């Protein structure tokens, strides 16, 4: 027998799940797992970077400690250098005046008469101070006159003259001051002496 279906054929409805598969959102546990993994990897990356920086810092501190001796020696060398520079400058300042003291002592001893003794001679900024002893005022006057005839001294003045007694001996203590002029070496030497000095 033949069967005939007089009813209108209906399409079968497919279940929604079968017809169209919907994409379900991932499970929350998977998201948490990814977040934890990302946090852990970030933590380890930061930790390795921190350890690397800490190692570099330790190396820098060790090098600084090694170089602290060098820095200390460098500072000490700088101090020694400045000390030597000051000494050299002092010597360079004193050296031109070295001849002055020699010339003054030479002139003082050239012009001193018998029975006059010098006990002290000091000079500063073109002024000479002389202290000594003599047996009489005439000897002191002769010494003053003799110093004034020198081309190196002028304005020789007697500051004081005091009579003293020692073991029944009488003498005079005197104090003089004088201005002095430093003459250049070339002017004080004759032409022959200059040529000998130049050799």
N, C-alpha and C. Protein backbone atom coordinates (compact mmCIF):
# COMPACT_ATOMS: atom_id res chain seq x y z
N UNK A 1 0.76 -1.15 0.00
CA UNK A 1 0.00 0.00 0.00
C UNK A 1 0.82 1.23 0.00
N UNK A 2 0.11 2.00 -0.62
CA UNK A 2 0.81 3.26 -0.79
C UNK A 2 0.16 4.24 0.17
N UNK A 3 1.02 4.88 0.70
CA UNK A 3 0.50 5.87 1.65
C UNK A 3 0.76 7.23 1.09
N UNK A 4 -0.15 8.01 1.23
CA UNK A 4 0.00 9.37 0.75
C UNK A 4 -0.28 10.26 1.93
N UNK A 5 0.56 11.16 2.02
CA UNK A 5 0.41 12.11 3.11
C UNK A 5 -0.19 13.36 2.55
N UNK A 6 -1.34 13.69 3.00
CA UNK A 6 -2.01 14.86 2.49
C UNK A 6 -1.66 16.08 3.35
N UNK A 7 -1.07 15.89 4.32
CA UNK A 7 -0.70 17.03 5.17
C UNK A 7 0.55 17.71 4.60
N UNK A 8 0.54 18.90 4.85
CA UNK A 8 1.64 19.71 4.35
C UNK A 8 2.93 19.30 5.07
N UNK A 9 3.91 19.07 4.31
CA UNK A 9 5.12 18.63 4.99
C UNK A 9 5.70 19.77 5.82
N UNK A 10 6.06 19.44 6.97
CA UNK A 10 6.65 20.44 7.87
C UNK A 10 8.13 20.16 8.00
N UNK A 11 8.80 21.18 8.10
CA UNK A 11 10.24 21.03 8.29
C UNK A 11 10.52 20.70 9.73
N UNK A 12 11.43 19.88 9.87
CA UNK A 12 11.78 19.48 11.21
C UNK A 12 12.60 20.59 11.86
N UNK A 13 12.26 20.85 13.05
CA UNK A 13 13.04 21.87 13.75
C UNK A 13 14.24 21.21 14.41
N UNK A 14 15.33 21.75 14.11
CA UNK A 14 16.56 21.23 14.73
C UNK A 14 16.75 21.90 16.09
N UNK A 15 17.23 21.18 16.96
CA UNK A 15 17.48 21.83 18.24
C UNK A 15 18.54 22.93 18.07
N UNK A 16 18.44 23.93 18.87
CA UNK A 16 19.32 25.10 18.77
C UNK A 16 20.77 24.69 18.99
N UNK A 17 20.97 23.79 19.85
CA UNK A 17 22.33 23.39 20.16
C UNK A 17 22.96 22.70 18.98
N UNK A 18 22.21 21.95 18.31
CA UNK A 18 22.79 21.21 17.21
C UNK A 18 22.98 22.10 15.99
N UNK A 19 22.02 22.95 15.73
CA UNK A 19 22.07 23.76 14.53
C UNK A 19 23.17 24.81 14.60
N UNK A 20 23.18 25.45 15.61
CA UNK A 20 24.15 26.53 15.74
C UNK A 20 24.89 26.34 17.05
N UNK A 21 26.14 26.17 16.94
CA UNK A 21 26.89 26.00 18.18
C UNK A 21 27.30 27.39 18.66
N UNK A 22 26.87 27.71 19.77
CA UNK A 22 27.21 29.01 20.34
C UNK A 22 28.58 28.91 21.01
N UNK A 23 29.32 30.01 20.91
CA UNK A 23 30.62 30.05 21.56
C UNK A 23 30.37 30.45 23.00
N UNK A 24 30.73 29.57 23.85
CA UNK A 24 30.54 29.84 25.26
C UNK A 24 31.75 30.62 25.77
N UNK A 25 31.48 31.52 26.65
CA UNK A 25 32.63 32.22 27.23
C UNK A 25 33.48 31.22 28.02
N UNK A 26 34.83 31.45 28.01
CA UNK A 26 35.68 30.51 28.72
C UNK A 26 35.32 30.49 30.19
N UNK A 27 35.66 29.45 30.75
CA UNK A 27 35.33 29.29 32.15
C UNK A 27 36.17 30.26 32.97
N UNK A 28 35.64 30.68 34.09
CA UNK A 28 36.32 31.66 34.96
C UNK A 28 37.62 31.10 35.50
N UNK A 29 37.70 29.85 35.73
CA UNK A 29 38.92 29.27 36.28
C UNK A 29 40.08 29.43 35.29
N UNK A 30 39.78 29.34 34.00
CA UNK A 30 40.82 29.52 33.00
C UNK A 30 41.33 30.96 33.01
N UNK A 31 40.43 31.91 33.17
CA UNK A 31 40.81 33.33 33.24
C UNK A 31 41.68 33.57 34.48
N UNK A 32 41.25 33.02 35.59
CA UNK A 32 42.04 33.17 36.81
C UNK A 32 43.42 32.56 36.64
N UNK A 33 43.48 31.44 36.00
CA UNK A 33 44.76 30.78 35.77
C UNK A 33 45.67 31.64 34.90
N UNK A 34 45.12 32.27 33.85
CA UNK A 34 45.92 33.15 33.01
C UNK A 34 46.40 34.38 33.78
N UNK A 35 45.53 34.95 34.61
CA UNK A 35 45.91 36.11 35.42
C UNK A 35 47.02 35.74 36.38
N UNK A 36 46.88 34.60 37.04
CA UNK A 36 47.91 34.15 37.99
C UNK A 36 49.22 33.90 37.26
N UNK A 37 49.15 33.28 36.09
CA UNK A 37 50.35 33.01 35.31
C UNK A 37 51.03 34.32 34.90
N UNK A 38 50.23 35.30 34.45
CA UNK A 38 50.78 36.60 34.05
C UNK A 38 51.41 37.30 35.24
N UNK A 39 50.73 37.26 36.39
CA UNK A 39 51.27 37.89 37.60
C UNK A 39 52.56 37.21 38.03
N UNK A 40 52.59 35.88 37.96
CA UNK A 40 53.80 35.15 38.36
C UNK A 40 54.95 35.46 37.42
N UNK A 41 54.68 35.48 36.12
CA UNK A 41 55.75 35.78 35.17
C UNK A 41 56.24 37.21 35.35
N UNK A 42 55.35 38.15 35.62
CA UNK A 42 55.75 39.54 35.88
C UNK A 42 56.57 39.62 37.15
N UNK A 43 56.16 38.88 38.18
CA UNK A 43 56.90 38.86 39.44
C UNK A 43 58.32 38.34 39.21
N UNK A 44 58.45 37.24 38.50
CA UNK A 44 59.78 36.67 38.28
C UNK A 44 60.63 37.57 37.39
N UNK A 45 60.00 38.23 36.43
CA UNK A 45 60.74 39.16 35.57
C UNK A 45 61.25 40.34 36.41
N UNK A 46 60.37 40.90 37.24
CA UNK A 46 60.77 42.02 38.09
C UNK A 46 61.84 41.58 39.08
N UNK A 47 61.67 40.39 39.61
CA UNK A 47 62.65 39.88 40.58
C UNK A 47 64.01 39.70 39.92
N UNK A 48 64.05 39.16 38.72
CA UNK A 48 65.33 38.99 38.03
C UNK A 48 65.95 40.35 37.69
N UNK A 49 65.11 41.30 37.28
CA UNK A 49 65.62 42.65 36.99
C UNK A 49 66.14 43.30 38.27
N UNK A 50 65.43 43.12 39.38
CA UNK A 50 65.85 43.67 40.66
C UNK A 50 67.17 43.03 41.10
N UNK A 51 67.28 41.71 40.95
CA UNK A 51 68.52 41.02 41.32
C UNK A 51 69.68 41.49 40.44
N UNK A 52 69.40 41.69 39.16
CA UNK A 52 70.44 42.17 38.25
C UNK A 52 70.91 43.56 38.67
N UNK A 53 69.96 44.45 38.97
CA UNK A 53 70.31 45.81 39.41
C UNK A 53 71.05 45.76 40.74
N UNK A 54 70.61 44.86 41.64
CA UNK A 54 71.29 44.71 42.93
C UNK A 54 72.73 44.24 42.73
N UNK A 55 72.92 43.32 41.81
CA UNK A 55 74.28 42.85 41.50
C UNK A 55 75.14 43.97 40.94
N UNK A 56 74.57 44.76 40.05
CA UNK A 56 75.30 45.90 39.49
C UNK A 56 75.64 46.91 40.58
N UNK A 57 74.70 47.12 41.51
CA UNK A 57 74.94 48.05 42.61
C UNK A 57 76.06 47.53 43.51
N UNK A 58 76.04 46.24 43.81
CA UNK A 58 77.11 45.66 44.64
C UNK A 58 78.46 45.79 43.94
N UNK A 59 78.48 45.53 42.64
CA UNK A 59 79.73 45.68 41.89
C UNK A 59 80.23 47.12 41.93
N UNK A 60 79.29 48.06 41.78
CA UNK A 60 79.67 49.47 41.82
C UNK A 60 80.19 49.85 43.21
N UNK A 61 79.54 49.33 44.26
CA UNK A 61 80.01 49.63 45.62
C UNK A 61 81.38 49.03 45.87
N UNK A 62 81.61 47.81 45.39
CA UNK A 62 82.93 47.20 45.55
C UNK A 62 83.99 48.00 44.81
N UNK A 63 83.66 48.44 43.62
CA UNK A 63 84.62 49.25 42.86
C UNK A 63 84.86 50.59 43.54
N UNK A 64 83.79 51.15 44.12
CA UNK A 64 83.95 52.42 44.84
C UNK A 64 84.84 52.22 46.05
N UNK A 65 84.66 51.11 46.77
CA UNK A 65 85.51 50.84 47.93
C UNK A 65 86.96 50.64 47.50
N UNK A 66 87.15 49.96 46.36
CA UNK A 66 88.52 49.80 45.86
C UNK A 66 89.12 51.15 45.51
N UNK A 67 88.30 52.00 44.92
CA UNK A 67 88.80 53.30 44.47
C UNK A 67 88.86 54.33 45.59
N UNK A 68 88.26 54.03 46.75
CA UNK A 68 88.32 55.00 47.85
C UNK A 68 89.76 55.20 48.30
N UNK A 69 90.57 54.15 48.28
CA UNK A 69 91.99 54.30 48.58
C UNK A 69 92.65 55.22 47.56
N UNK A 70 92.30 55.01 46.31
CA UNK A 70 92.87 55.84 45.25
C UNK A 70 92.42 57.29 45.42
N UNK A 71 91.13 57.47 45.77
CA UNK A 71 90.64 58.84 45.99
C UNK A 71 91.35 59.49 47.17
N UNK A 72 91.56 58.71 48.24
CA UNK A 72 92.28 59.24 49.40
C UNK A 72 93.71 59.63 49.02
N UNK A 73 94.36 58.77 48.25
CA UNK A 73 95.73 59.08 47.82
C UNK A 73 95.74 60.28 46.89
N UNK A 74 94.71 60.40 46.06
CA UNK A 74 94.62 61.54 45.15
C UNK A 74 94.44 62.84 45.94
N UNK A 75 93.58 62.82 46.95
CA UNK A 75 93.39 64.01 47.79
C UNK A 75 94.69 64.35 48.51
N UNK A 76 95.38 63.33 49.02
CA UNK A 76 96.65 63.57 49.71
C UNK A 76 97.68 64.15 48.73
N UNK A 77 97.69 63.63 47.51
CA UNK A 77 98.61 64.16 46.49
C UNK A 77 98.27 65.61 46.16
N UNK A 78 96.97 65.93 46.11
CA UNK A 78 96.56 67.32 45.85
C UNK A 78 97.03 68.24 46.98
N UNK A 79 96.90 67.75 48.23
CA UNK A 79 97.35 68.56 49.37
C UNK A 79 98.85 68.77 49.30
N UNK A 80 99.60 67.69 48.99
CA UNK A 80 101.05 67.82 48.87
C UNK A 80 101.42 68.77 47.73
N UNK A 81 100.67 68.67 46.64
CA UNK A 81 100.94 69.55 45.50
C UNK A 81 100.74 71.01 45.90
N UNK A 82 99.63 71.30 46.59
CA UNK A 82 99.39 72.69 47.00
C UNK A 82 100.43 73.15 48.01
N UNK A 83 100.87 72.23 48.91
CA UNK A 83 101.91 72.58 49.87
C UNK A 83 103.21 72.91 49.15
N UNK A 84 103.59 72.07 48.19
CA UNK A 84 104.82 72.32 47.43
C UNK A 84 104.71 73.60 46.61
N UNK A 85 103.54 73.86 46.06
CA UNK A 85 103.36 75.10 45.30
C UNK A 85 103.53 76.32 46.20
N UNK A 86 102.98 76.24 47.42
CA UNK A 86 103.14 77.36 48.36
C UNK A 86 104.61 77.54 48.73
N UNK A 87 105.31 76.41 48.97
CA UNK A 87 106.73 76.50 49.32
C UNK A 87 107.54 77.07 48.17
N UNK A 88 107.23 76.63 46.95
CA UNK A 88 107.95 77.14 45.78
C UNK A 88 107.68 78.63 45.62
N UNK A 89 106.43 79.05 45.80
CA UNK A 89 106.11 80.48 45.70
C UNK A 89 106.85 81.28 46.77
N UNK A 90 106.92 80.73 47.99
CA UNK A 90 107.65 81.41 49.05
C UNK A 90 109.12 81.53 48.70
N UNK A 91 109.70 80.45 48.20
CA UNK A 91 111.11 80.49 47.80
C UNK A 91 111.32 81.49 46.68
N UNK A 92 110.40 81.50 45.71
CA UNK A 92 110.52 82.46 44.61
C UNK A 92 110.37 83.90 45.09
N UNK A 93 109.58 84.11 46.15
CA UNK A 93 109.46 85.47 46.69
C UNK A 93 110.71 85.86 47.48
N UNK A 94 111.28 84.88 48.18
CA UNK A 94 112.44 85.18 49.03
C UNK A 94 113.73 85.27 48.21
N UNK A 95 113.82 84.50 47.14
CA UNK A 95 115.06 84.42 46.37
C UNK A 95 115.57 85.78 45.89
N UNK A 96 114.72 86.66 45.34
CA UNK A 96 115.26 87.96 44.93
C UNK A 96 115.80 88.78 46.11
N UNK A 97 115.26 88.54 47.31
CA UNK A 97 115.72 89.30 48.47
C UNK A 97 116.90 88.63 49.17
N UNK A 98 117.34 87.49 48.65
CA UNK A 98 118.44 86.76 49.28
C UNK A 98 119.71 87.60 49.28
N UNK A 99 119.96 88.28 48.21
CA UNK A 99 121.16 89.09 48.10
C UNK A 99 121.12 90.31 49.03
N UNK A 100 119.91 90.73 49.40
CA UNK A 100 119.78 91.93 50.24
C UNK A 100 120.43 91.70 51.60
N UNK A 101 120.12 90.57 52.24
CA UNK A 101 120.68 90.29 53.57
C UNK A 101 122.19 90.19 53.50
N UNK A 102 122.70 89.55 52.47
CA UNK A 102 124.15 89.41 52.33
C UNK A 102 124.79 90.78 52.14
N UNK A 103 124.18 91.59 51.29
CA UNK A 103 124.73 92.93 51.03
C UNK A 103 124.68 93.79 52.30
N UNK A 104 123.58 93.72 53.05
CA UNK A 104 123.46 94.52 54.28
C UNK A 104 124.52 94.10 55.29
N UNK A 105 124.68 92.79 55.50
CA UNK A 105 125.68 92.31 56.47
C UNK A 105 127.08 92.72 56.03
N UNK A 106 127.35 92.67 54.75
CA UNK A 106 128.66 93.07 54.24
C UNK A 106 128.90 94.55 54.50
N UNK A 107 127.90 95.38 54.20
CA UNK A 107 128.06 96.82 54.40
C UNK A 107 128.17 97.17 55.89
N UNK A 108 127.38 96.50 56.73
CA UNK A 108 127.47 96.78 58.17
C UNK A 108 128.85 96.44 58.71
N UNK A 109 129.39 95.31 58.28
CA UNK A 109 130.70 94.90 58.80
C UNK A 109 131.83 95.75 58.21
N UNK A 110 131.67 96.26 56.99
CA UNK A 110 132.70 97.11 56.39
C UNK A 110 132.85 98.42 57.13
N UNK A 111 131.74 98.95 57.61
CA UNK A 111 131.76 100.30 58.18
C UNK A 111 131.84 100.32 59.70
N UNK A 112 131.94 99.20 60.34
CA UNK A 112 131.96 99.19 61.80
C UNK A 112 133.36 99.55 62.31
N UNK A 113 133.47 100.53 63.22
CA UNK A 113 134.78 100.89 63.77
C UNK A 113 135.19 99.93 64.90
N UNK A 114 136.46 100.04 65.31
CA UNK A 114 136.92 99.24 66.45
C UNK A 114 136.17 99.65 67.70
N UNK A 115 136.00 98.70 68.59
CA UNK A 115 135.33 98.87 69.88
C UNK A 115 133.84 99.21 69.74
N UNK A 116 133.27 98.80 68.63
CA UNK A 116 131.81 98.85 68.46
C UNK A 116 131.39 97.43 68.08
N UNK A 117 130.41 96.92 68.82
CA UNK A 117 129.93 95.55 68.59
C UNK A 117 128.42 95.60 68.29
N UNK A 118 128.03 94.87 67.29
CA UNK A 118 126.60 94.79 66.96
C UNK A 118 126.01 93.55 67.62
N UNK A 119 124.87 93.74 68.25
CA UNK A 119 124.20 92.59 68.89
C UNK A 119 122.99 92.12 68.10
N UNK A 120 122.42 93.02 67.29
CA UNK A 120 121.23 92.65 66.53
C UNK A 120 121.08 93.56 65.33
N UNK A 121 120.69 92.97 64.21
CA UNK A 121 120.39 93.74 63.00
C UNK A 121 119.20 93.07 62.32
N UNK A 122 118.13 93.83 62.16
CA UNK A 122 116.94 93.30 61.48
C UNK A 122 116.53 94.29 60.40
N UNK A 123 115.89 93.76 59.38
CA UNK A 123 115.41 94.65 58.32
C UNK A 123 114.05 94.19 57.84
N UNK A 124 113.27 95.16 57.40
CA UNK A 124 111.97 94.90 56.80
C UNK A 124 111.64 96.07 55.90
N UNK A 125 110.99 95.84 54.86
CA UNK A 125 110.53 96.84 53.90
C UNK A 125 111.39 98.09 53.88
N UNK A 126 112.62 97.92 53.48
CA UNK A 126 113.57 99.02 53.27
C UNK A 126 113.94 99.78 54.54
N UNK A 127 113.74 99.18 55.70
CA UNK A 127 114.14 99.82 56.96
C UNK A 127 115.02 98.84 57.72
N UNK A 128 116.16 99.34 58.20
CA UNK A 128 117.12 98.52 58.93
C UNK A 128 117.17 99.00 60.38
N UNK A 129 117.11 98.04 61.32
CA UNK A 129 117.18 98.34 62.75
C UNK A 129 118.44 97.67 63.30
N UNK A 130 119.28 98.48 63.96
CA UNK A 130 120.57 97.99 64.44
C UNK A 130 120.65 98.24 65.94
N UNK A 131 121.10 97.23 66.68
CA UNK A 131 121.38 97.38 68.11
C UNK A 131 122.80 96.91 68.35
N UNK A 132 123.46 97.60 69.29
CA UNK A 132 124.83 97.20 69.56
C UNK A 132 125.37 97.87 70.81
N UNK A 133 126.70 97.72 70.98
CA UNK A 133 127.40 98.29 72.14
C UNK A 133 128.64 99.02 71.64
N UNK A 134 128.99 100.08 72.36
CA UNK A 134 130.19 100.84 72.03
C UNK A 134 130.79 101.37 73.32
N UNK A 135 132.08 101.74 73.26
CA UNK A 135 132.74 102.25 74.45
C UNK A 135 132.46 103.73 74.67
N UNK A 136 132.13 104.47 73.59
CA UNK A 136 131.87 105.90 73.77
C UNK A 136 130.86 106.37 72.73
N UNK A 137 130.34 107.56 72.99
CA UNK A 137 129.41 108.18 72.05
C UNK A 137 130.12 108.57 70.76
N UNK A 138 131.41 108.90 70.85
CA UNK A 138 132.16 109.26 69.65
C UNK A 138 132.24 108.08 68.68
N UNK A 139 132.40 106.88 69.20
CA UNK A 139 132.45 105.69 68.34
C UNK A 139 131.10 105.46 67.66
N UNK A 140 130.02 105.71 68.40
CA UNK A 140 128.68 105.58 67.81
C UNK A 140 128.50 106.61 66.70
N UNK A 141 128.96 107.85 66.94
CA UNK A 141 128.86 108.90 65.92
C UNK A 141 129.69 108.55 64.69
N UNK A 142 130.90 107.99 64.91
CA UNK A 142 131.72 107.56 63.77
C UNK A 142 131.01 106.48 62.95
N UNK A 143 130.35 105.56 63.64
CA UNK A 143 129.65 104.47 62.95
C UNK A 143 128.48 105.03 62.12
N UNK A 144 127.75 105.99 62.70
CA UNK A 144 126.63 106.61 61.97
C UNK A 144 127.15 107.32 60.73
N UNK A 145 128.25 108.08 60.89
CA UNK A 145 128.82 108.80 59.74
C UNK A 145 129.30 107.82 58.67
N UNK A 146 129.94 106.75 59.10
CA UNK A 146 130.45 105.75 58.15
C UNK A 146 129.31 105.08 57.39
N UNK A 147 128.19 104.78 58.08
CA UNK A 147 127.04 104.18 57.39
C UNK A 147 126.43 105.15 56.38
N UNK A 148 126.42 106.44 56.71
CA UNK A 148 125.84 107.43 55.78
C UNK A 148 126.69 107.59 54.53
N UNK A 149 127.97 107.28 54.60
CA UNK A 149 128.82 107.37 53.40
C UNK A 149 128.60 106.18 52.46
N UNK A 150 127.96 105.14 52.95
CA UNK A 150 127.69 103.97 52.11
C UNK A 150 126.60 104.30 51.10
N UNK A 151 126.70 103.78 49.88
CA UNK A 151 125.64 104.04 48.89
C UNK A 151 124.35 103.26 49.19
N UNK A 152 124.40 102.36 50.15
CA UNK A 152 123.23 101.53 50.45
C UNK A 152 122.37 102.07 51.59
N UNK A 153 122.92 102.95 52.43
CA UNK A 153 122.18 103.44 53.59
C UNK A 153 122.00 104.95 53.52
N UNK A 154 120.85 105.42 53.99
CA UNK A 154 120.62 106.84 54.16
C UNK A 154 119.64 107.02 55.31
N UNK A 155 119.52 108.25 55.80
CA UNK A 155 118.68 108.58 56.96
C UNK A 155 119.02 107.70 58.16
N UNK A 156 120.30 107.64 58.49
CA UNK A 156 120.73 106.87 59.66
C UNK A 156 120.44 107.72 60.89
N UNK A 157 119.64 107.18 61.82
CA UNK A 157 119.23 107.93 63.01
C UNK A 157 119.56 107.14 64.26
N UNK A 158 120.02 107.86 65.27
CA UNK A 158 120.26 107.26 66.58
C UNK A 158 118.95 107.30 67.36
N UNK A 159 118.45 106.12 67.74
CA UNK A 159 117.20 106.05 68.49
C UNK A 159 117.44 106.16 69.99
N UNK A 160 118.47 105.47 70.47
CA UNK A 160 118.76 105.53 71.91
C UNK A 160 120.22 105.20 72.15
N UNK A 161 120.71 105.73 73.26
CA UNK A 161 122.08 105.44 73.71
C UNK A 161 122.03 105.44 75.23
N UNK A 162 122.28 104.27 75.84
CA UNK A 162 122.15 104.12 77.28
C UNK A 162 123.46 103.59 77.85
N UNK A 163 123.92 104.24 78.93
CA UNK A 163 125.16 103.79 79.56
C UNK A 163 124.86 102.63 80.50
N UNK A 164 125.68 101.57 80.40
CA UNK A 164 125.55 100.38 81.23
C UNK A 164 126.90 100.09 81.89
N UNK A 165 126.82 99.34 82.99
CA UNK A 165 128.03 98.93 83.69
C UNK A 165 127.98 97.43 83.90
N UNK A 166 129.12 96.78 83.59
CA UNK A 166 129.22 95.34 83.79
C UNK A 166 130.61 95.04 84.31
N UNK A 167 130.72 94.53 85.54
CA UNK A 167 132.01 94.19 86.17
C UNK A 167 132.97 95.37 86.12
N UNK A 168 132.56 96.46 86.56
CA UNK A 168 133.35 97.69 86.60
C UNK A 168 133.75 98.20 85.22
N UNK A 169 133.11 97.70 84.17
CA UNK A 169 133.34 98.20 82.81
C UNK A 169 132.10 98.97 82.37
N UNK A 170 132.35 100.15 81.83
CA UNK A 170 131.24 100.95 81.34
C UNK A 170 131.20 100.90 79.82
N UNK A 171 129.98 100.79 79.30
CA UNK A 171 129.78 100.79 77.85
C UNK A 171 128.42 101.40 77.56
N UNK A 172 128.19 101.68 76.30
CA UNK A 172 126.93 102.26 75.86
C UNK A 172 126.18 101.25 74.99
N UNK A 173 124.91 101.06 75.29
CA UNK A 173 124.04 100.28 74.40
C UNK A 173 123.31 101.28 73.52
N UNK A 174 123.32 101.03 72.23
CA UNK A 174 122.69 101.97 71.30
C UNK A 174 121.73 101.23 70.37
N UNK A 175 120.83 102.02 69.80
CA UNK A 175 119.89 101.51 68.79
C UNK A 175 119.83 102.52 67.66
N UNK A 176 119.97 102.04 66.44
CA UNK A 176 119.93 102.88 65.25
C UNK A 176 118.86 102.35 64.30
N UNK A 177 118.40 103.23 63.45
CA UNK A 177 117.63 102.75 62.30
C UNK A 177 118.11 103.50 61.07
N UNK A 178 117.97 102.84 59.93
CA UNK A 178 118.43 103.44 58.68
C UNK A 178 117.58 102.89 57.54
N UNK A 179 117.45 103.71 56.52
CA UNK A 179 116.79 103.25 55.31
C UNK A 179 117.88 102.73 54.38
N UNK A 180 117.56 101.72 53.62
CA UNK A 180 118.56 101.20 52.69
C UNK A 180 117.98 101.12 51.30
N UNK A 181 118.87 101.21 50.34
CA UNK A 181 118.51 101.14 48.93
C UNK A 181 119.20 99.92 48.36
N UNK A 182 118.43 99.08 47.72
CA UNK A 182 119.01 97.90 47.09
C UNK A 182 119.43 98.28 45.69
N UNK A 183 120.70 98.12 45.40
CA UNK A 183 121.19 98.45 44.08
C UNK A 183 121.25 97.18 43.25
N UNK A 184 120.82 97.25 42.00
CA UNK A 184 120.90 96.06 41.15
C UNK A 184 122.33 95.58 41.02
N UNK A 185 122.49 94.29 40.83
CA UNK A 185 123.82 93.69 40.77
C UNK A 185 124.62 94.26 39.61
N UNK A 186 124.00 94.49 38.47
CA UNK A 186 124.71 94.99 37.29
C UNK A 186 125.25 96.39 37.53
N UNK A 187 124.54 97.23 38.30
CA UNK A 187 125.00 98.58 38.57
C UNK A 187 126.14 98.58 39.57
N UNK A 188 126.12 97.63 40.53
CA UNK A 188 127.13 97.64 41.56
C UNK A 188 128.44 97.02 41.07
N UNK A 189 128.43 96.30 39.95
CA UNK A 189 129.63 95.69 39.41
C UNK A 189 130.16 96.53 38.26
N UNK A 190 131.46 96.47 38.09
CA UNK A 190 132.04 97.18 36.95
C UNK A 190 131.83 96.35 35.69
N UNK A 191 132.22 96.87 34.55
CA UNK A 191 132.02 96.17 33.28
C UNK A 191 132.76 94.85 33.22
N UNK A 192 134.00 94.81 33.73
CA UNK A 192 134.77 93.56 33.71
C UNK A 192 134.12 92.51 34.60
N UNK A 193 133.63 92.94 35.77
CA UNK A 193 133.01 92.00 36.70
C UNK A 193 131.72 91.43 36.11
N UNK A 194 130.98 92.26 35.37
CA UNK A 194 129.73 91.79 34.76
C UNK A 194 130.04 90.72 33.72
N UNK A 195 131.11 90.93 32.92
CA UNK A 195 131.46 89.92 31.91
C UNK A 195 131.93 88.63 32.57
N UNK A 196 132.61 88.74 33.73
CA UNK A 196 133.03 87.53 34.44
C UNK A 196 131.83 86.79 35.01
N UNK A 197 130.84 87.53 35.53
CA UNK A 197 129.63 86.91 36.08
C UNK A 197 128.84 86.25 34.97
N UNK A 198 128.82 86.86 33.78
CA UNK A 198 128.06 86.31 32.66
C UNK A 198 128.64 84.98 32.20
N UNK A 199 129.97 84.82 32.37
CA UNK A 199 130.59 83.55 31.96
C UNK A 199 130.15 82.47 32.89
